């Protein structure tokens, strides 16, 4: 019998917020079933997601990031590239690659906004766990 395993990728930018997605994910899926990987930022997630998915070790890969407008680059372009890359990674590897990559329109680095987004990422992590469990179950039925 194979054991269900999940890969969870976290971008290090805004780690105090992004790490909360893992907290939410682990509320639904036991930590013993999850391998955690840190990457510098959101842009690095799709390549690692594809590499992890192609190993055949994981039933799903989850990637979490917070992409904000830093005033230097177009954050919406980066977010679109990341989400598209994650989708392509899953299609290339035939393994679900799920995104908890969020791009708020009005994020400000204040205690109030940080608290809101930390809480939101916990919820999104739980939602990603639900999606991973659902996709794993569906794919297991298809394989039977």
N, C-alpha and C. Protein backbone atom coordinates (compact mmCIF):
# COMPACT_ATOMS: atom_id res chain seq x y z
N UNK A 1 0.84 -1.19 0.00
CA UNK A 1 0.00 0.00 0.00
C UNK A 1 0.88 1.25 0.00
N UNK A 2 0.60 2.18 -0.89
CA UNK A 2 1.38 3.41 -0.94
C UNK A 2 0.84 4.42 0.06
N UNK A 3 1.73 5.19 0.61
CA UNK A 3 1.33 6.22 1.56
C UNK A 3 1.19 7.54 0.83
N UNK A 4 0.16 8.26 1.16
CA UNK A 4 -0.09 9.55 0.54
C UNK A 4 0.92 10.57 1.06
N UNK A 5 1.52 11.31 0.11
CA UNK A 5 2.50 12.35 0.47
C UNK A 5 2.20 13.61 -0.32
N UNK A 6 2.52 14.71 0.31
CA UNK A 6 2.31 16.01 -0.30
C UNK A 6 3.59 16.84 -0.18
N UNK A 7 3.85 17.64 -1.20
CA UNK A 7 4.94 18.61 -1.14
C UNK A 7 4.32 19.99 -0.94
N UNK A 8 4.94 20.79 -0.07
CA UNK A 8 4.44 22.14 0.20
C UNK A 8 5.61 23.10 0.00
N UNK A 9 5.48 23.99 -0.98
CA UNK A 9 6.52 24.97 -1.30
C UNK A 9 6.08 26.32 -0.73
N UNK A 10 7.03 26.99 -0.04
CA UNK A 10 6.76 28.32 0.52
C UNK A 10 7.78 29.31 -0.01
N UNK A 11 7.28 30.45 -0.50
CA UNK A 11 8.17 31.54 -0.88
C UNK A 11 8.59 32.29 0.38
N UNK A 12 9.86 32.67 0.44
CA UNK A 12 10.38 33.32 1.64
C UNK A 12 10.02 34.80 1.79
N UNK A 13 9.64 35.46 0.68
CA UNK A 13 9.20 36.86 0.81
C UNK A 13 7.93 36.87 1.64
N UNK A 14 7.86 37.75 2.63
CA UNK A 14 6.72 37.85 3.54
C UNK A 14 6.46 36.51 4.24
N UNK A 15 7.52 35.86 4.67
CA UNK A 15 7.42 34.53 5.29
C UNK A 15 6.49 34.53 6.50
N UNK A 16 6.44 35.61 7.25
CA UNK A 16 5.56 35.64 8.43
C UNK A 16 4.10 35.46 8.04
N UNK A 17 3.74 35.86 6.84
CA UNK A 17 2.38 35.68 6.33
C UNK A 17 2.26 34.36 5.58
N UNK A 18 3.16 34.11 4.65
CA UNK A 18 3.10 32.92 3.79
C UNK A 18 3.15 31.63 4.62
N UNK A 19 3.97 31.60 5.65
CA UNK A 19 4.10 30.40 6.47
C UNK A 19 2.77 29.99 7.11
N UNK A 20 1.85 30.92 7.24
CA UNK A 20 0.55 30.61 7.83
C UNK A 20 -0.27 29.67 6.94
N UNK A 21 0.01 29.66 5.63
CA UNK A 21 -0.68 28.71 4.75
C UNK A 21 -0.31 27.28 5.13
N UNK A 22 0.94 27.07 5.49
CA UNK A 22 1.36 25.74 5.94
C UNK A 22 0.67 25.38 7.25
N UNK A 23 0.52 26.34 8.14
CA UNK A 23 -0.19 26.10 9.40
C UNK A 23 -1.61 25.58 9.10
N UNK A 24 -2.31 26.25 8.21
CA UNK A 24 -3.66 25.83 7.85
C UNK A 24 -3.67 24.46 7.16
N UNK A 25 -2.71 24.22 6.29
CA UNK A 25 -2.60 22.94 5.58
C UNK A 25 -2.42 21.80 6.56
N UNK A 26 -1.57 22.01 7.56
CA UNK A 26 -1.29 20.98 8.55
C UNK A 26 -2.43 20.77 9.55
N UNK A 27 -3.40 21.65 9.54
CA UNK A 27 -4.60 21.43 10.36
C UNK A 27 -5.47 20.33 9.76
N UNK A 28 -5.26 20.02 8.49
CA UNK A 28 -6.08 19.02 7.79
C UNK A 28 -5.29 17.79 7.36
N UNK A 29 -4.00 17.95 7.16
CA UNK A 29 -3.16 16.85 6.68
C UNK A 29 -2.00 16.67 7.66
N UNK A 30 -1.77 15.44 8.14
CA UNK A 30 -0.71 15.21 9.13
C UNK A 30 0.68 15.62 8.62
N UNK A 31 1.45 16.24 9.49
CA UNK A 31 2.79 16.71 9.13
C UNK A 31 3.67 15.59 8.60
N UNK A 32 3.45 14.35 9.06
CA UNK A 32 4.27 13.21 8.61
C UNK A 32 4.07 12.92 7.13
N UNK A 33 3.01 13.46 6.54
CA UNK A 33 2.72 13.24 5.12
C UNK A 33 3.15 14.41 4.24
N UNK A 34 3.80 15.40 4.84
CA UNK A 34 4.12 16.63 4.12
C UNK A 34 5.62 16.91 4.15
N UNK A 35 6.20 17.12 2.97
CA UNK A 35 7.59 17.58 2.85
C UNK A 35 7.54 19.06 2.49
N UNK A 36 8.28 19.88 3.23
CA UNK A 36 8.23 21.33 3.07
C UNK A 36 9.51 21.82 2.41
N UNK A 37 9.35 22.72 1.44
CA UNK A 37 10.46 23.28 0.69
C UNK A 37 10.34 24.80 0.66
N UNK A 38 11.43 25.49 0.98
CA UNK A 38 11.46 26.95 0.91
C UNK A 38 12.19 27.39 -0.34
N UNK A 39 11.64 28.40 -1.00
CA UNK A 39 12.28 29.01 -2.17
C UNK A 39 12.40 30.51 -1.91
N UNK A 40 13.31 31.18 -2.63
CA UNK A 40 13.50 32.61 -2.38
C UNK A 40 12.23 33.45 -2.57
N UNK A 41 11.53 33.23 -3.67
CA UNK A 41 10.34 34.01 -3.95
C UNK A 41 9.36 33.23 -4.80
N UNK A 42 8.26 33.88 -5.14
CA UNK A 42 7.20 33.23 -5.90
C UNK A 42 7.67 32.75 -7.27
N UNK A 43 8.51 33.51 -7.90
CA UNK A 43 8.94 33.20 -9.27
C UNK A 43 9.67 31.87 -9.36
N UNK A 44 10.27 31.43 -8.27
CA UNK A 44 11.02 30.17 -8.26
C UNK A 44 10.12 28.95 -8.02
N UNK A 45 8.88 29.16 -7.68
CA UNK A 45 8.00 28.04 -7.32
C UNK A 45 7.65 27.09 -8.47
N UNK A 46 7.29 27.58 -9.66
CA UNK A 46 6.86 26.65 -10.71
C UNK A 46 7.91 25.60 -11.10
N UNK A 47 9.16 25.99 -11.20
CA UNK A 47 10.20 25.03 -11.58
C UNK A 47 10.35 23.95 -10.51
N UNK A 48 10.40 24.35 -9.25
CA UNK A 48 10.52 23.36 -8.18
C UNK A 48 9.26 22.50 -8.12
N UNK A 49 8.10 23.11 -8.32
CA UNK A 49 6.84 22.34 -8.30
C UNK A 49 6.87 21.25 -9.38
N UNK A 50 7.32 21.60 -10.56
CA UNK A 50 7.39 20.61 -11.64
C UNK A 50 8.39 19.52 -11.30
N UNK A 51 9.54 19.90 -10.78
CA UNK A 51 10.56 18.91 -10.41
C UNK A 51 10.04 17.96 -9.34
N UNK A 52 9.38 18.50 -8.33
CA UNK A 52 8.82 17.67 -7.26
C UNK A 52 7.72 16.75 -7.79
N UNK A 53 6.84 17.30 -8.61
CA UNK A 53 5.74 16.51 -9.15
C UNK A 53 6.26 15.37 -10.02
N UNK A 54 7.33 15.61 -10.75
CA UNK A 54 7.88 14.59 -11.64
C UNK A 54 8.58 13.45 -10.89
N UNK A 55 8.88 13.63 -9.61
CA UNK A 55 9.55 12.56 -8.87
C UNK A 55 8.65 11.35 -8.68
N UNK A 56 7.35 11.54 -8.74
CA UNK A 56 6.42 10.45 -8.49
C UNK A 56 6.19 10.18 -7.02
N UNK A 57 6.81 10.96 -6.14
CA UNK A 57 6.67 10.76 -4.69
C UNK A 57 5.42 11.41 -4.11
N UNK A 58 4.86 12.37 -4.83
CA UNK A 58 3.81 13.21 -4.25
C UNK A 58 2.48 13.06 -4.98
N UNK A 59 1.41 13.03 -4.19
CA UNK A 59 0.06 12.97 -4.74
C UNK A 59 -0.41 14.36 -5.15
N UNK A 60 0.18 15.38 -4.57
CA UNK A 60 -0.10 16.77 -4.96
C UNK A 60 1.04 17.64 -4.45
N UNK A 61 1.21 18.77 -5.12
CA UNK A 61 2.20 19.77 -4.73
C UNK A 61 1.42 21.07 -4.49
N UNK A 62 1.71 21.74 -3.39
CA UNK A 62 1.07 23.01 -3.06
C UNK A 62 2.16 24.08 -3.01
N UNK A 63 1.86 25.24 -3.57
CA UNK A 63 2.83 26.34 -3.57
C UNK A 63 2.17 27.60 -3.01
N UNK A 64 2.82 28.23 -2.04
CA UNK A 64 2.26 29.41 -1.36
C UNK A 64 3.20 30.60 -1.48
N UNK A 65 2.60 31.75 -1.80
CA UNK A 65 3.38 32.99 -1.90
C UNK A 65 2.44 34.18 -1.74
N UNK A 66 3.02 35.30 -1.36
CA UNK A 66 2.31 36.58 -1.33
C UNK A 66 3.08 37.50 -2.27
N UNK A 67 2.44 37.89 -3.36
CA UNK A 67 3.09 38.76 -4.35
C UNK A 67 2.47 40.14 -4.21
N UNK A 68 3.27 41.10 -3.78
CA UNK A 68 2.74 42.45 -3.53
C UNK A 68 3.41 43.45 -4.46
N UNK A 69 2.77 44.58 -4.58
CA UNK A 69 3.29 45.67 -5.40
C UNK A 69 4.40 46.37 -4.62
N UNK A 70 5.64 46.07 -5.02
CA UNK A 70 6.78 46.67 -4.35
C UNK A 70 7.23 47.98 -4.99
N UNK A 71 6.50 48.42 -6.01
CA UNK A 71 6.83 49.68 -6.66
C UNK A 71 7.93 49.57 -7.69
N UNK A 72 8.57 48.42 -7.81
CA UNK A 72 9.69 48.26 -8.74
C UNK A 72 9.25 47.50 -9.98
N UNK A 73 8.37 46.54 -9.81
CA UNK A 73 7.94 45.71 -10.93
C UNK A 73 6.43 45.58 -10.91
N UNK A 74 5.90 45.05 -11.98
CA UNK A 74 4.47 44.84 -12.07
C UNK A 74 4.10 43.54 -11.36
N UNK A 75 3.60 43.65 -10.14
CA UNK A 75 3.29 42.47 -9.36
C UNK A 75 2.21 41.61 -10.01
N UNK A 76 1.29 42.24 -10.76
CA UNK A 76 0.26 41.43 -11.41
C UNK A 76 0.87 40.55 -12.51
N UNK A 77 1.90 41.04 -13.19
CA UNK A 77 2.60 40.23 -14.19
C UNK A 77 3.30 39.04 -13.53
N UNK A 78 3.98 39.30 -12.42
CA UNK A 78 4.67 38.23 -11.71
C UNK A 78 3.66 37.20 -11.23
N UNK A 79 2.57 37.64 -10.63
CA UNK A 79 1.55 36.72 -10.12
C UNK A 79 0.98 35.87 -11.25
N UNK A 80 0.68 36.48 -12.38
CA UNK A 80 0.14 35.73 -13.52
C UNK A 80 1.15 34.70 -14.02
N UNK A 81 2.41 35.08 -14.10
CA UNK A 81 3.45 34.15 -14.56
C UNK A 81 3.57 32.97 -13.59
N UNK A 82 3.49 33.25 -12.30
CA UNK A 82 3.63 32.20 -11.29
C UNK A 82 2.45 31.22 -11.37
N UNK A 83 1.24 31.73 -11.39
CA UNK A 83 0.06 30.86 -11.42
C UNK A 83 0.03 30.06 -12.72
N UNK A 84 0.35 30.70 -13.83
CA UNK A 84 0.41 29.97 -15.11
C UNK A 84 1.49 28.90 -15.07
N UNK A 85 2.62 29.22 -14.49
CA UNK A 85 3.71 28.26 -14.38
C UNK A 85 3.35 27.08 -13.50
N UNK A 86 2.64 27.34 -12.42
CA UNK A 86 2.20 26.25 -11.54
C UNK A 86 1.21 25.34 -12.26
N UNK A 87 0.28 25.94 -12.98
CA UNK A 87 -0.68 25.13 -13.75
C UNK A 87 0.05 24.27 -14.78
N UNK A 88 1.00 24.87 -15.48
CA UNK A 88 1.75 24.12 -16.49
C UNK A 88 2.57 23.01 -15.86
N UNK A 89 3.13 23.26 -14.69
CA UNK A 89 3.91 22.24 -13.98
C UNK A 89 3.05 21.01 -13.70
N UNK A 90 1.84 21.23 -13.24
CA UNK A 90 0.93 20.13 -12.96
C UNK A 90 0.55 19.37 -14.22
N UNK A 91 0.29 20.10 -15.28
CA UNK A 91 -0.07 19.45 -16.54
C UNK A 91 1.10 18.66 -17.09
N UNK A 92 2.30 19.22 -17.01
CA UNK A 92 3.50 18.53 -17.52
C UNK A 92 3.77 17.24 -16.76
N UNK A 93 3.56 17.27 -15.45
CA UNK A 93 3.91 16.13 -14.59
C UNK A 93 2.73 15.20 -14.33
N UNK A 94 1.53 15.60 -14.72
CA UNK A 94 0.31 14.85 -14.46
C UNK A 94 0.11 14.61 -12.96
N UNK A 95 0.37 15.65 -12.19
CA UNK A 95 0.18 15.64 -10.73
C UNK A 95 -0.47 16.99 -10.37
N UNK A 96 -1.47 16.99 -9.50
CA UNK A 96 -2.07 18.26 -9.12
C UNK A 96 -1.04 19.20 -8.48
N UNK A 97 -0.97 20.40 -9.00
CA UNK A 97 -0.14 21.47 -8.42
C UNK A 97 -1.11 22.58 -8.05
N UNK A 98 -1.23 22.83 -6.77
CA UNK A 98 -2.22 23.77 -6.25
C UNK A 98 -1.56 25.06 -5.79
N UNK A 99 -2.27 26.16 -5.98
CA UNK A 99 -1.70 27.46 -5.67
C UNK A 99 -2.39 28.12 -4.49
N UNK A 100 -1.57 28.58 -3.54
CA UNK A 100 -2.00 29.50 -2.49
C UNK A 100 -1.16 30.75 -2.69
N UNK A 101 -1.13 31.22 -3.93
CA UNK A 101 -0.33 32.37 -4.32
C UNK A 101 -1.28 33.54 -4.50
N UNK A 102 -1.23 34.48 -3.59
CA UNK A 102 -2.19 35.56 -3.59
C UNK A 102 -1.53 36.89 -3.91
N UNK A 103 -2.30 37.75 -4.57
CA UNK A 103 -1.83 39.07 -4.98
C UNK A 103 -2.85 40.11 -4.55
N UNK A 104 -2.72 40.63 -3.34
CA UNK A 104 -3.71 41.61 -2.87
C UNK A 104 -3.59 42.93 -3.63
N UNK A 105 -4.74 43.56 -3.84
CA UNK A 105 -4.75 44.85 -4.55
C UNK A 105 -4.32 46.01 -3.67
N UNK A 106 -4.60 45.91 -2.38
CA UNK A 106 -4.36 47.06 -1.52
C UNK A 106 -3.55 46.69 -0.28
N UNK A 107 -2.53 45.88 -0.44
CA UNK A 107 -1.70 45.49 0.69
C UNK A 107 -0.80 46.64 1.11
N UNK A 108 -0.77 46.90 2.40
CA UNK A 108 0.17 47.85 2.98
C UNK A 108 0.86 47.15 4.14
N UNK A 109 2.14 47.38 4.26
CA UNK A 109 2.92 46.71 5.31
C UNK A 109 2.67 47.39 6.66
N UNK A 110 1.47 47.14 7.19
CA UNK A 110 1.08 47.64 8.50
C UNK A 110 0.72 46.45 9.38
N UNK A 111 0.72 46.64 10.66
CA UNK A 111 0.35 45.56 11.58
C UNK A 111 -1.06 45.07 11.29
N UNK A 112 -1.97 45.98 10.98
CA UNK A 112 -3.35 45.62 10.69
C UNK A 112 -3.44 44.73 9.45
N UNK A 113 -2.84 45.15 8.35
CA UNK A 113 -2.87 44.35 7.11
C UNK A 113 -2.16 43.02 7.30
N UNK A 114 -1.02 43.03 7.97
CA UNK A 114 -0.30 41.78 8.19
C UNK A 114 -1.14 40.78 8.97
N UNK A 115 -1.86 41.25 9.98
CA UNK A 115 -2.72 40.36 10.77
C UNK A 115 -3.84 39.79 9.90
N UNK A 116 -4.44 40.62 9.07
CA UNK A 116 -5.51 40.17 8.18
C UNK A 116 -4.99 39.09 7.24
N UNK A 117 -3.84 39.33 6.63
CA UNK A 117 -3.32 38.37 5.65
C UNK A 117 -2.77 37.11 6.30
N UNK A 118 -2.22 37.21 7.50
CA UNK A 118 -1.81 35.99 8.22
C UNK A 118 -3.01 35.08 8.44
N UNK A 119 -4.11 35.65 8.90
CA UNK A 119 -5.33 34.87 9.13
C UNK A 119 -5.87 34.31 7.81
N UNK A 120 -5.84 35.12 6.77
CA UNK A 120 -6.34 34.69 5.46
C UNK A 120 -5.52 33.52 4.92
N UNK A 121 -4.23 33.55 5.12
CA UNK A 121 -3.38 32.46 4.63
C UNK A 121 -3.64 31.15 5.39
N UNK A 122 -4.00 31.21 6.65
CA UNK A 122 -4.38 29.99 7.37
C UNK A 122 -5.59 29.37 6.69
N UNK A 123 -6.59 30.19 6.40
CA UNK A 123 -7.80 29.71 5.73
C UNK A 123 -7.45 29.13 4.36
N UNK A 124 -6.63 29.82 3.60
CA UNK A 124 -6.25 29.35 2.27
C UNK A 124 -5.46 28.05 2.35
N UNK A 125 -4.66 27.89 3.38
CA UNK A 125 -3.93 26.64 3.57
C UNK A 125 -4.87 25.48 3.82
N UNK A 126 -5.91 25.71 4.63
CA UNK A 126 -6.92 24.67 4.86
C UNK A 126 -7.64 24.34 3.56
N UNK A 127 -7.97 25.36 2.78
CA UNK A 127 -8.65 25.13 1.49
C UNK A 127 -7.75 24.33 0.54
N UNK A 128 -6.47 24.62 0.54
CA UNK A 128 -5.53 23.86 -0.30
C UNK A 128 -5.47 22.40 0.14
N UNK A 129 -5.50 22.17 1.45
CA UNK A 129 -5.50 20.79 1.96
C UNK A 129 -6.76 20.07 1.51
N UNK A 130 -7.91 20.74 1.60
CA UNK A 130 -9.16 20.13 1.13
C UNK A 130 -9.07 19.78 -0.35
N UNK A 131 -8.53 20.68 -1.15
CA UNK A 131 -8.40 20.43 -2.59
C UNK A 131 -7.43 19.28 -2.85
N UNK A 132 -6.32 19.24 -2.12
CA UNK A 132 -5.34 18.16 -2.29
C UNK A 132 -5.96 16.81 -1.94
N UNK A 133 -6.70 16.75 -0.85
CA UNK A 133 -7.35 15.51 -0.45
C UNK A 133 -8.40 15.07 -1.48
N UNK A 134 -9.17 16.02 -1.95
CA UNK A 134 -10.21 15.72 -2.95
C UNK A 134 -9.58 15.22 -4.25
N UNK A 135 -8.54 15.90 -4.72
CA UNK A 135 -7.88 15.48 -5.96
C UNK A 135 -7.21 14.12 -5.80
N UNK A 136 -6.62 13.86 -4.65
CA UNK A 136 -5.99 12.57 -4.40
C UNK A 136 -7.05 11.46 -4.46
N UNK A 137 -8.18 11.69 -3.82
CA UNK A 137 -9.26 10.71 -3.84
C UNK A 137 -9.80 10.46 -5.23
N UNK A 138 -10.02 11.52 -5.98
CA UNK A 138 -10.52 11.37 -7.35
C UNK A 138 -9.54 10.60 -8.23
N UNK A 139 -8.26 10.93 -8.11
CA UNK A 139 -7.27 10.26 -8.95
C UNK A 139 -7.09 8.80 -8.55
N UNK A 140 -7.24 8.50 -7.26
CA UNK A 140 -7.18 7.11 -6.82
C UNK A 140 -8.35 6.30 -7.37
N UNK A 141 -9.54 6.91 -7.43
CA UNK A 141 -10.70 6.25 -8.02
C UNK A 141 -10.48 5.98 -9.51
N UNK A 142 -9.92 6.96 -10.20
CA UNK A 142 -9.64 6.80 -11.63
C UNK A 142 -8.64 5.67 -11.89
N UNK A 143 -7.67 5.53 -11.00
CA UNK A 143 -6.63 4.52 -11.17
C UNK A 143 -7.13 3.11 -10.84
N UNK A 144 -8.22 3.02 -10.06
CA UNK A 144 -8.73 1.71 -9.62
C UNK A 144 -9.44 0.95 -10.73
